[in-house]
Amino acid sequence: MSDPEPDELFRKRLLRVVSEKDRHAALVVVGAYLDALGRKYGRFRTGVALKGFGPRGS
């Protein structure tokens, strides 16, 4: 598997889909917090959910 996306690139992709309510969080959180926000929107650094890390509610 290739290296996961750095926060900066993942954030840029995530900002395209987050709601206005979550926009501020997407701009400031890092690491696992950014991953958790991405899961909320079905976005993952690897492009697909790793086993056990699917979108919330699945």
Protein backbone atom coordinates (compact mmCIF):
# COMPACT_ATOMS: atom_id res chain seq x y z
CA MET A 1 0.00 0.00 0.00
CA SER A 2 1.25 3.49 -0.73
CA ASP A 3 1.72 6.12 1.94
CA PRO A 4 -1.46 7.86 3.09
CA GLU A 5 -2.12 11.40 1.92
CA PRO A 6 -0.62 14.14 4.07
CA ASP A 7 -3.12 16.28 6.02
CA GLU A 8 -2.75 19.20 3.61
CA LEU A 9 -3.81 17.21 0.53
CA PHE A 10 -6.56 15.30 2.33
CA ARG A 11 -7.94 18.57 3.75
CA LYS A 12 -8.05 20.10 0.27
CA ARG A 13 -10.13 17.15 -1.01
CA LEU A 14 -12.34 17.16 2.06
CA LEU A 15 -13.12 20.88 1.84
CA ARG A 16 -14.89 20.21 -1.47
CA VAL A 17 -17.61 18.18 0.28
CA VAL A 18 -17.98 19.35 3.90
CA SER A 19 -21.00 21.35 5.02
CA GLU A 20 -20.66 24.94 6.18
CA LYS A 21 -21.17 23.64 9.74
CA ASP A 22 -17.99 21.50 9.51
CA ARG A 23 -15.88 23.83 7.36
CA HIS A 24 -14.05 25.48 10.28
CA ALA A 25 -13.18 22.10 11.80
CA ALA A 26 -11.87 20.89 8.43
CA LEU A 27 -9.59 23.90 8.28
CA VAL A 28 -8.01 23.44 11.71
CA VAL A 29 -8.05 19.76 12.77
CA VAL A 30 -5.16 17.42 11.98
CA GLY A 31 -4.31 13.72 12.04
CA ALA A 32 -6.92 11.36 13.47
CA TYR A 33 -9.42 14.20 13.92
CA LEU A 34 -9.22 14.99 10.22
CA ASP A 35 -9.65 11.29 9.44
CA ALA A 36 -12.78 11.16 11.63
CA LEU A 37 -14.25 14.17 9.85
CA GLY A 38 -13.46 12.55 6.51
CA ARG A 39 -15.26 9.35 7.56
CA LYS A 40 -18.36 11.42 8.31
CA TYR A 41 -18.38 12.39 4.62
CA GLY A 42 -17.27 9.03 3.25
CA ARG A 43 -13.79 10.30 2.38
CA PHE A 44 -10.62 8.39 3.25
CA ARG A 45 -6.92 9.10 2.77
CA THR A 46 -6.50 5.82 0.92
CA GLY A 47 -9.51 6.44 -1.33
CA VAL A 48 -11.44 3.54 0.23
CA ALA A 49 -12.32 2.64 3.80
CA LEU A 50 -9.88 0.27 5.43
CA LYS A 51 -11.48 -2.72 7.14
CA GLY A 52 -13.21 -1.50 10.30
CA PHE A 53 -13.05 2.15 9.28
CA GLY A 54 -16.12 2.52 7.08
CA PRO A 55 -18.41 5.52 7.12
CA ARG A 56 -20.25 6.08 10.38
CA GLY A 57 -23.43 4.09 10.64
CA SER A 58 -22.28 1.28 8.35
